Structure formats: structure tokens, C-alpha cells
C-alpha atoms as a PDB file:
ATOM      1  CA  UNK A   1     -77.433 137.731  11.706  1.00  0.00           C
ATOM      2  CA  UNK A   2     -75.965 136.747  15.134  1.00  0.00           C
ATOM      3  CA  UNK A   3     -76.955 134.652  17.966  1.00  0.00           C
ATOM      4  CA  UNK A   4     -76.997 136.739  21.126  1.00  0.00           C
ATOM      5  CA  UNK A   5     -77.494 135.598  24.726  1.00  0.00           C
ATOM      6  CA  UNK A   6     -78.935 138.266  27.025  1.00  0.00           C
ATOM      7  CA  UNK A   7     -78.715 137.749  30.750  1.00  0.00           C
ATOM      8  CA  UNK A   8     -81.240 139.698  32.722  1.00  0.00           C
ATOM      9  CA  UNK A   9     -83.657 139.715  29.766  1.00  0.00           C
ATOM     10  CA  UNK A  10     -86.717 140.266  32.018  1.00  0.00           C
ATOM     11  CA  UNK A  11     -85.651 143.725  33.233  1.00  0.00           C
ATOM     12  CA  UNK A  12     -86.307 147.046  31.411  1.00  0.00           C
ATOM     13  CA  UNK A  13     -82.929 147.342  29.765  1.00  0.00           C
ATOM     14  CA  UNK A  14     -82.842 143.545  29.052  1.00  0.00           C
ATOM     15  CA  UNK A  15     -86.262 143.675  27.404  1.00  0.00           C
ATOM     16  CA  UNK A  16     -85.230 146.718  25.323  1.00  0.00           C
ATOM     17  CA  UNK A  17     -82.098 144.859  24.180  1.00  0.00           C
ATOM     18  CA  UNK A  18     -84.202 141.784  23.236  1.00  0.00           C
ATOM     19  CA  UNK A  19     -86.519 144.039  21.203  1.00  0.00           C
ATOM     20  CA  UNK A  20     -83.645 145.854  19.350  1.00  0.00           C
ATOM     21  CA  UNK A  21     -81.785 142.596  18.684  1.00  0.00           C
ATOM     22  CA  UNK A  22     -84.925 141.022  17.137  1.00  0.00           C
ATOM     23  CA  UNK A  23     -85.534 144.140  15.120  1.00  0.00           C
ATOM     24  CA  UNK A  24     -82.052 143.669  13.615  1.00  0.00           C
ATOM     25  CA  UNK A  25     -82.726 140.098  12.716  1.00  0.00           C
ATOM     26  CA  UNK A  26     -80.650 138.477  15.407  1.00  0.00           C
ATOM     27  CA  UNK A  27     -81.647 135.303  17.247  1.00  0.00           C
ATOM     28  CA  UNK A  28     -81.862 135.758  21.029  1.00  0.00           C
ATOM     29  CA  UNK A  29     -81.604 133.524  24.002  1.00  0.00           C
ATOM     30  CA  UNK A  30     -83.303 135.456  26.835  1.00  0.00           C
ATOM     31  CA  UNK A  31     -81.920 134.371  30.173  1.00  0.00           C
ATOM     32  CA  UNK A  32     -84.080 134.918  33.242  1.00  0.00           C
ATOM     33  CA  UNK A  33     -84.370 133.343  36.654  1.00  0.00           C
ATOM     34  CA  UNK A  34     -87.899 132.063  36.028  1.00  0.00           C
ATOM     35  CA  UNK A  35     -89.122 131.821  32.474  1.00  0.00           C
ATOM     36  CA  UNK A  36     -92.697 131.234  33.649  1.00  0.00           C
ATOM     37  CA  UNK A  37     -92.817 134.811  34.966  1.00  0.00           C
ATOM     38  CA  UNK A  38     -92.176 136.210  31.414  1.00  0.00           C
ATOM     39  CA  UNK A  39     -94.723 134.639  29.095  1.00  0.00           C
ATOM     40  CA  UNK A  40     -94.513 137.634  26.760  1.00  0.00           C
ATOM     41  CA  UNK A  41     -90.983 136.692  25.841  1.00  0.00           C
ATOM     42  CA  UNK A  42     -92.163 133.229  24.743  1.00  0.00           C
ATOM     43  CA  UNK A  43     -94.312 134.720  22.117  1.00  0.00           C
ATOM     44  CA  UNK A  44     -91.589 136.701  20.283  1.00  0.00           C
ATOM     45  CA  UNK A  45     -90.334 135.110  17.076  1.00  0.00           C
ATOM     46  CA  UNK A  46     -86.567 134.504  17.356  1.00  0.00           C
ATOM     47  CA  UNK A  47     -86.486 134.652  21.073  1.00  0.00           C
ATOM     48  CA  UNK A  48     -85.974 131.616  23.318  1.00  0.00           C
ATOM     49  CA  UNK A  49     -86.463 132.253  27.095  1.00  0.00           C
ATOM     50  CA  UNK A  50     -84.336 130.055  29.309  1.00  0.00           C
ATOM     51  CA  UNK A  51     -83.630 129.698  32.972  1.00  0.00           C
ATOM     52  CA  UNK A  52     -80.076 130.753  33.780  1.00  0.00           C
ATOM     53  CA  UNK A  53     -77.672 132.177  36.346  1.00  0.00           C
ATOM     54  CA  UNK A  54     -74.989 134.769  35.417  1.00  0.00           C
ATOM     55  CA  UNK A  55     -73.098 133.987  38.631  1.00  0.00           C
ATOM     56  CA  UNK A  56     -72.476 130.363  37.701  1.00  0.00           C
ATOM     57  CA  UNK A  57     -69.588 129.771  35.199  1.00  0.00           C
ATOM     58  CA  UNK A  58     -70.841 126.349  34.244  1.00  0.00           C
ATOM     59  CA  UNK A  59     -74.375 127.524  33.677  1.00  0.00           C
ATOM     60  CA  UNK A  60     -73.153 130.520  31.637  1.00  0.00           C
ATOM     61  CA  UNK A  61     -71.028 128.116  29.475  1.00  0.00           C
ATOM     62  CA  UNK A  62     -73.984 125.825  28.823  1.00  0.00           C
ATOM     63  CA  UNK A  63     -76.351 128.622  28.095  1.00  0.00           C
ATOM     64  CA  UNK A  64     -73.978 130.601  25.927  1.00  0.00           C
ATOM     65  CA  UNK A  65     -72.635 127.717  23.733  1.00  0.00           C
ATOM     66  CA  UNK A  66     -73.231 128.433  20.142  1.00  0.00           C
ATOM     67  CA  UNK A  67     -73.720 132.221  20.546  1.00  0.00           C
ATOM     68  CA  UNK A  68     -71.656 134.988  19.023  1.00  0.00           C
ATOM     69  CA  UNK A  69     -72.116 137.691  21.730  1.00  0.00           C
ATOM     70  CA  UNK A  70     -73.463 138.212  25.165  1.00  0.00           C
ATOM     71  CA  UNK A  71     -75.137 141.091  27.090  1.00  0.00           C
ATOM     72  CA  UNK A  72     -75.356 141.154  30.831  1.00  0.00           C
ATOM     73  CA  UNK A  73     -78.125 143.484  32.019  1.00  0.00           C
ATOM     74  CA  UNK A  74     -78.819 141.412  35.173  1.00  0.00           C
ATOM     75  CA  UNK A  75     -78.969 142.799  38.702  1.00  0.00           C
ATOM     76  CA  UNK A  76     -79.874 141.432  42.172  1.00  0.00           C
ATOM     77  CA  UNK A  77     -80.968 143.798  44.872  1.00  0.00           C
ATOM     78  CA  UNK A  78     -81.426 141.154  47.433  1.00  0.00           C
ATOM     79  CA  UNK A  79     -77.683 140.410  47.762  1.00  0.00           C
ATOM     80  CA  UNK A  80     -74.752 142.803  48.332  1.00  0.00           C
ATOM     81  CA  UNK A  81     -73.846 144.663  45.142  1.00  0.00           C
ATOM     82  CA  UNK A  82     -70.127 143.899  45.279  1.00  0.00           C
ATOM     83  CA  UNK A  83     -70.798 140.206  45.883  1.00  0.00           C
ATOM     84  CA  UNK A  84     -73.254 139.997  42.936  1.00  0.00           C
ATOM     85  CA  UNK A  85     -71.277 141.958  40.306  1.00  0.00           C
ATOM     86  CA  UNK A  86     -67.956 140.308  41.171  1.00  0.00           C
ATOM     87  CA  UNK A  87     -69.639 136.911  40.872  1.00  0.00           C
ATOM     88  CA  UNK A  88     -71.061 137.730  37.484  1.00  0.00           C
ATOM     89  CA  UNK A  89     -67.743 139.116  36.240  1.00  0.00           C
ATOM     90  CA  UNK A  90     -65.947 135.984  37.210  1.00  0.00           C
ATOM     91  CA  UNK A  91     -68.640 133.623  35.897  1.00  0.00           C
ATOM     92  CA  UNK A  92     -69.101 135.460  32.639  1.00  0.00           C
ATOM     93  CA  UNK A  93     -65.472 135.703  31.748  1.00  0.00           C
ATOM     94  CA  UNK A  94     -64.876 132.026  32.557  1.00  0.00           C
ATOM     95  CA  UNK A  95     -68.119 130.725  31.076  1.00  0.00           C
ATOM     96  CA  UNK A  96     -68.073 132.711  27.887  1.00  0.00           C
ATOM     97  CA  UNK A  97     -64.475 131.784  27.111  1.00  0.00           C
ATOM     98  CA  UNK A  98     -65.336 128.100  27.721  1.00  0.00           C
ATOM     99  CA  UNK A  99     -68.386 128.513  25.304  1.00  0.00           C
ATOM    100  CA  UNK A 100     -66.258 130.278  22.648  1.00  0.00           C
ATOM    101  CA  UNK A 101     -68.225 133.565  22.872  1.00  0.00           C
ATOM    102  CA  UNK A 102     -65.999 136.450  21.820  1.00  0.00           C
ATOM    103  CA  UNK A 103     -67.839 139.623  22.666  1.00  0.00           C
ATOM    104  CA  UNK A 104     -69.388 140.623  26.049  1.00  0.00           C
ATOM    105  CA  UNK A 105     -71.320 143.854  26.729  1.00  0.00           C
ATOM    106  CA  UNK A 106     -72.108 144.632  30.403  1.00  0.00           C
ATOM    107  CA  UNK A 107     -74.289 147.353  31.819  1.00  0.00           C
ATOM    108  CA  UNK A 108     -72.590 149.779  34.200  1.00  0.00           C
ATOM    109  CA  UNK A 109     -73.784 152.680  36.337  1.00  0.00           C
ATOM    110  CA  UNK A 110     -73.162 156.442  35.868  1.00  0.00           C
ATOM    111  CA  UNK A 111     -71.878 157.046  39.401  1.00  0.00           C
ATOM    112  CA  UNK A 112     -68.603 155.338  38.582  1.00  0.00           C
ATOM    113  CA  UNK A 113     -67.823 157.813  35.786  1.00  0.00           C
ATOM    114  CA  UNK A 114     -65.479 160.767  36.258  1.00  0.00           C
ATOM    115  CA  UNK A 115     -66.517 164.383  36.487  1.00  0.00           C
ATOM    116  CA  UNK A 116     -62.948 165.463  36.530  1.00  0.00           C
ATOM    117  CA  UNK A 117     -59.669 163.607  36.100  1.00  0.00           C
ATOM    118  CA  UNK A 118     -59.536 160.999  38.913  1.00  0.00           C
ATOM    119  CA  UNK A 119     -62.809 162.198  40.480  1.00  0.00           C
ATOM    120  CA  UNK A 120     -65.865 159.990  40.110  1.00  0.00           C
ATOM    121  CA  UNK A 121     -69.487 160.935  40.737  1.00  0.00           C
ATOM    122  CA  UNK A 122     -69.516 158.532  43.727  1.00  0.00           C
ATOM    123  CA  UNK A 123     -66.526 160.287  45.281  1.00  0.00           C
ATOM    124  CA  UNK A 124     -68.384 163.481  46.039  1.00  0.00           C
ATOM    125  CA  UNK A 125     -68.689 163.746  49.928  1.00  0.00           C
ATOM    126  CA  UNK A 126     -72.349 164.616  49.541  1.00  0.00           C
ATOM    127  CA  UNK A 127     -73.077 161.393  47.627  1.00  0.00           C
ATOM    128  CA  UNK A 128     -75.485 159.100  49.648  1.00  0.00           C
ATOM    129  CA  UNK A 129     -73.467 156.269  51.267  1.00  0.00           C
ATOM    130  CA  UNK A 130     -76.045 153.620  50.301  1.00  0.00           C
ATOM    131  CA  UNK A 131     -75.626 154.482  46.626  1.00  0.00           C
ATOM    132  CA  UNK A 132     -71.847 154.638  46.986  1.00  0.00           C
ATOM    133  CA  UNK A 133     -71.963 151.071  48.423  1.00  0.00           C
ATOM    134  CA  UNK A 134     -74.013 149.896  45.444  1.00  0.00           C
ATOM    135  CA  UNK A 135     -71.676 151.709  43.000  1.00  0.00           C
ATOM    136  CA  UNK A 136     -68.623 149.917  44.487  1.00  0.00           C
ATOM    137  CA  UNK A 137     -70.081 146.650  43.002  1.00  0.00           C
ATOM    138  CA  UNK A 138     -69.645 148.006  39.535  1.00  0.00           C
ATOM    139  CA  UNK A 139     -66.171 149.305  40.292  1.00  0.00           C
ATOM    140  CA  UNK A 140     -65.170 145.858  41.498  1.00  0.00           C
ATOM    141  CA  UNK A 141     -66.766 144.310  38.413  1.00  0.00           C
ATOM    142  CA  UNK A 142     -64.870 146.605  36.092  1.00  0.00           C
ATOM    143  CA  UNK A 143     -61.608 145.816  37.901  1.00  0.00           C
ATOM    144  CA  UNK A 144     -62.240 142.053  37.564  1.00  0.00           C
ATOM    145  CA  UNK A 145     -63.112 142.303  33.878  1.00  0.00           C
ATOM    146  CA  UNK A 146     -59.905 144.269  33.309  1.00  0.00           C
ATOM    147  CA  UNK A 147     -57.833 141.748  35.115  1.00  0.00           C
ATOM    148  CA  UNK A 148     -59.422 138.450  34.192  1.00  0.00           C
ATOM    149  CA  UNK A 149     -61.045 138.762  30.740  1.00  0.00           C
ATOM    150  CA  UNK A 150     -57.944 137.667  28.787  1.00  0.00           C
ATOM    151  CA  UNK A 151     -58.941 137.195  25.134  1.00  0.00           C
ATOM    152  CA  UNK A 152     -62.639 138.030  25.782  1.00  0.00           C
ATOM    153  CA  UNK A 153     -63.555 141.314  24.002  1.00  0.00           C
ATOM    154  CA  UNK A 154     -65.684 143.150  26.575  1.00  0.00           C
ATOM    155  CA  UNK A 155     -67.121 146.574  27.034  1.00  0.00           C
ATOM    156  CA  UNK A 156     -69.008 148.297  29.943  1.00  0.00           C
ATOM    157  CA  UNK A 157     -71.784 150.491  28.482  1.00  0.00           C
ATOM    158  CA  UNK A 158     -72.857 153.099  31.048  1.00  0.00           C
ATOM    159  CA  UNK A 159     -76.208 154.984  30.772  1.00  0.00           C
ATOM    160  CA  UNK A 160     -76.855 158.221  32.680  1.00  0.00           C
ATOM    161  CA  UNK A 161     -78.951 158.157  35.770  1.00  0.00           C
ATOM    162  CA  UNK A 162     -81.971 159.570  33.913  1.00  0.00           C
ATOM    163  CA  UNK A 163     -83.453 156.574  31.958  1.00  0.00           C
ATOM    164  CA  UNK A 164     -86.728 157.065  30.120  1.00  0.00           C
ATOM    165  CA  UNK A 165     -88.734 153.924  29.884  1.00  0.00           C
ATOM    166  CA  UNK A 166     -91.392 154.768  27.264  1.00  0.00           C
ATOM    167  CA  UNK A 167     -89.545 157.042  24.870  1.00  0.00           C
ATOM    168  CA  UNK A 168     -89.086 155.475  21.363  1.00  0.00           C
ATOM    169  CA  UNK A 169     -85.706 154.765  19.754  1.00  0.00           C
ATOM    170  CA  UNK A 170     -84.315 157.732  17.851  1.00  0.00           C
ATOM    171  CA  UNK A 171     -81.149 155.808  16.836  1.00  0.00           C
ATOM    172  CA  UNK A 172     -79.084 158.739  18.068  1.00  0.00           C
ATOM    173  CA  UNK A 173     -76.851 158.991  21.152  1.00  0.00           C
ATOM    174  CA  UNK A 174     -73.575 160.634  22.285  1.00  0.00           C
ATOM    175  CA  UNK A 175     -70.698 158.807  23.860  1.00  0.00           C
ATOM    176  CA  UNK A 176     -67.748 159.479  26.116  1.00  0.00           C
ATOM    177  CA  UNK A 177     -65.102 157.210  27.515  1.00  0.00           C
ATOM    178  CA  UNK A 178     -64.936 156.997  31.355  1.00  0.00           C
ATOM    179  CA  UNK A 179     -66.455 160.463  31.893  1.00  0.00           C
ATOM    180  CA  UNK A 180     -69.991 161.719  32.261  1.00  0.00           C
ATOM    181  CA  UNK A 181     -71.755 163.012  29.153  1.00  0.00           C
ATOM    182  CA  UNK A 182     -73.321 166.456  28.812  1.00  0.00           C
ATOM    183  CA  UNK A 183     -77.019 165.736  28.684  1.00  0.00           C
ATOM    184  CA  UNK A 184     -77.371 163.034  31.412  1.00  0.00           C
ATOM    185  CA  UNK A 185     -80.423 161.169  29.980  1.00  0.00           C
ATOM    186  CA  UNK A 186     -81.359 158.521  27.517  1.00  0.00           C
ATOM    187  CA  UNK A 187     -84.258 156.275  26.635  1.00  0.00           C
ATOM    188  CA  UNK A 188     -84.227 152.535  27.249  1.00  0.00           C
ATOM    189  CA  UNK A 189     -84.715 152.020  23.549  1.00  0.00           C
ATOM    190  CA  UNK A 190     -81.705 154.165  22.565  1.00  0.00           C
ATOM    191  CA  UNK A 191     -79.584 152.544  25.312  1.00  0.00           C
ATOM    192  CA  UNK A 192     -80.460 149.227  23.565  1.00  0.00           C
ATOM    193  CA  UNK A 193     -79.425 150.718  20.235  1.00  0.00           C
ATOM    194  CA  UNK A 194     -75.992 151.555  21.780  1.00  0.00           C
ATOM    195  CA  UNK A 195     -75.691 148.022  23.140  1.00  0.00           C
ATOM    196  CA  UNK A 196     -76.445 146.333  19.831  1.00  0.00           C
ATOM    197  CA  UNK A 197     -74.296 148.781  17.905  1.00  0.00           C
ATOM    198  CA  UNK A 198     -71.328 147.568  19.924  1.00  0.00           C
ATOM    199  CA  UNK A 199     -72.204 144.025  19.031  1.00  0.00           C
ATOM    200  CA  UNK A 200     -72.871 144.586  15.338  1.00  0.00           C
ATOM    201  CA  UNK A 201     -69.866 146.870  14.942  1.00  0.00           C
ATOM    202  CA  UNK A 202     -67.444 146.626  17.902  1.00  0.00           C
ATOM    203  CA  UNK A 203     -65.877 150.002  18.264  1.00  0.00           C
ATOM    204  CA  UNK A 204     -64.955 150.327  21.932  1.00  0.00           C
ATOM    205  CA  UNK A 205     -63.107 147.846  23.993  1.00  0.00           C
ATOM    206  CA  UNK A 206     -62.249 147.268  27.732  1.00  0.00           C
ATOM    207  CA  UNK A 207     -63.473 150.698  28.864  1.00  0.00           C
ATOM    208  CA  UNK A 208     -66.463 152.371  30.462  1.00  0.00           C
ATOM    209  CA  UNK A 209     -68.418 153.802  27.505  1.00  0.00           C
ATOM    210  CA  UNK A 210     -70.925 156.444  28.746  1.00  0.00           C
ATOM    211  CA  UNK A 211     -73.939 156.918  26.395  1.00  0.00           C
ATOM    212  CA  UNK A 212     -76.658 159.592  26.518  1.00  0.00           C
ATOM    213  CA  UNK A 213     -78.830 161.716  24.226  1.00  0.00           C
END
């Protein structure tokens, strides 16, 4: 059994990760901006909701102390994407290393994956500029993780654009490194399975791991 800290535990992917982690017998610290807004998390055995900030290295270090692994599923839509995801990359790498946490799984976005060598989904001239701007935040995040993570064992898990909220976990998924997968869909529950698999049995490191059904 591991102790896992999950940033962004109030979102759909974060909640699915909490559920899967508890199912496996792990102890979870569920980090949200306002625990009072998530009373359901307080009623789950093995889960401790806390207030936290994934963009503050000192807060990350305090929150993550004593944990074995971390998941970042947090997002802010009220601040520029590049500002938010570069801030989380810097804070998480610094804070987790200070706390002695060895494994970090971050959630990516499918538009940064390649459809052909050197050509990403977001590079298509027809791709909407507003989504390209958001995607650049994850590109910058990946670059910072690559450059600054040092001894931290990190992985960016990238779901397809088609996420199914209510489908149950099948425990099955396909993977590809840095490139889009063939089916282009996955359930939140099976995405959570992929996230926790990479904590329980780390197999991929310092890459974009695309997952889909």
C-alpha cells in the first residue's frame, strides 16, 4: 500500500484517480482549492481532503511530505494555460523533491501528440487557435519537466480527446509513446487505471504516454 497525493482531486479525472487508488488499498491525500466544496471526498475511507496549491512549491512540499507518489490532474481555466502549467511544473518538481516523493504522474492533452514524425495535432493549420494556445501550456509544462525534474521520476499520461465520464473501468487500455493512439477514446475510470498502474508498477518514464481503449 502506498500513500498518494492527488492534486486536482475534485475534477473528473482526479475523482476517478481517487476512486481507483482507494480500490487498490492506497491511502490518498486529495488536494483541492476548497475542501468545503467536496463533502463527498470527506466520507471516503482512506481519503483525506486538504486545501492546497499545485503552483506553490512550499505548499506542495508540505502537502506531499510522507507520500510515495503524486498525481497532478489540476487545471485552471481562469488563468493563461502556459502560465498555469509552467507554474505547476516548477512547483511540483521543486516541492516533491523537497518532500522526498519519487514518482510524479501528470495529466497531458492529446493535441500535443504527433500524428506523423515531428507533426503534432495542434500543428494542423485548421486547428482552432484558442485550443492551440491552451495546448502550448502543456508543451511548456513538458519541456520544463524534461529540463528541471532531475532525480524525480515523472511521466505525462495523455488521454484522447474523447473521454467518457460514466463508463465503468474495464482494466484494459492501449498505449503509445508521443503519438496518437488508434481508437481515440477512453473512460475516466480506465484512464485512472492507467495512472495508478504507472504508480504501482512504473513502466514509462519522462515521456508522453498516450492511453486509449
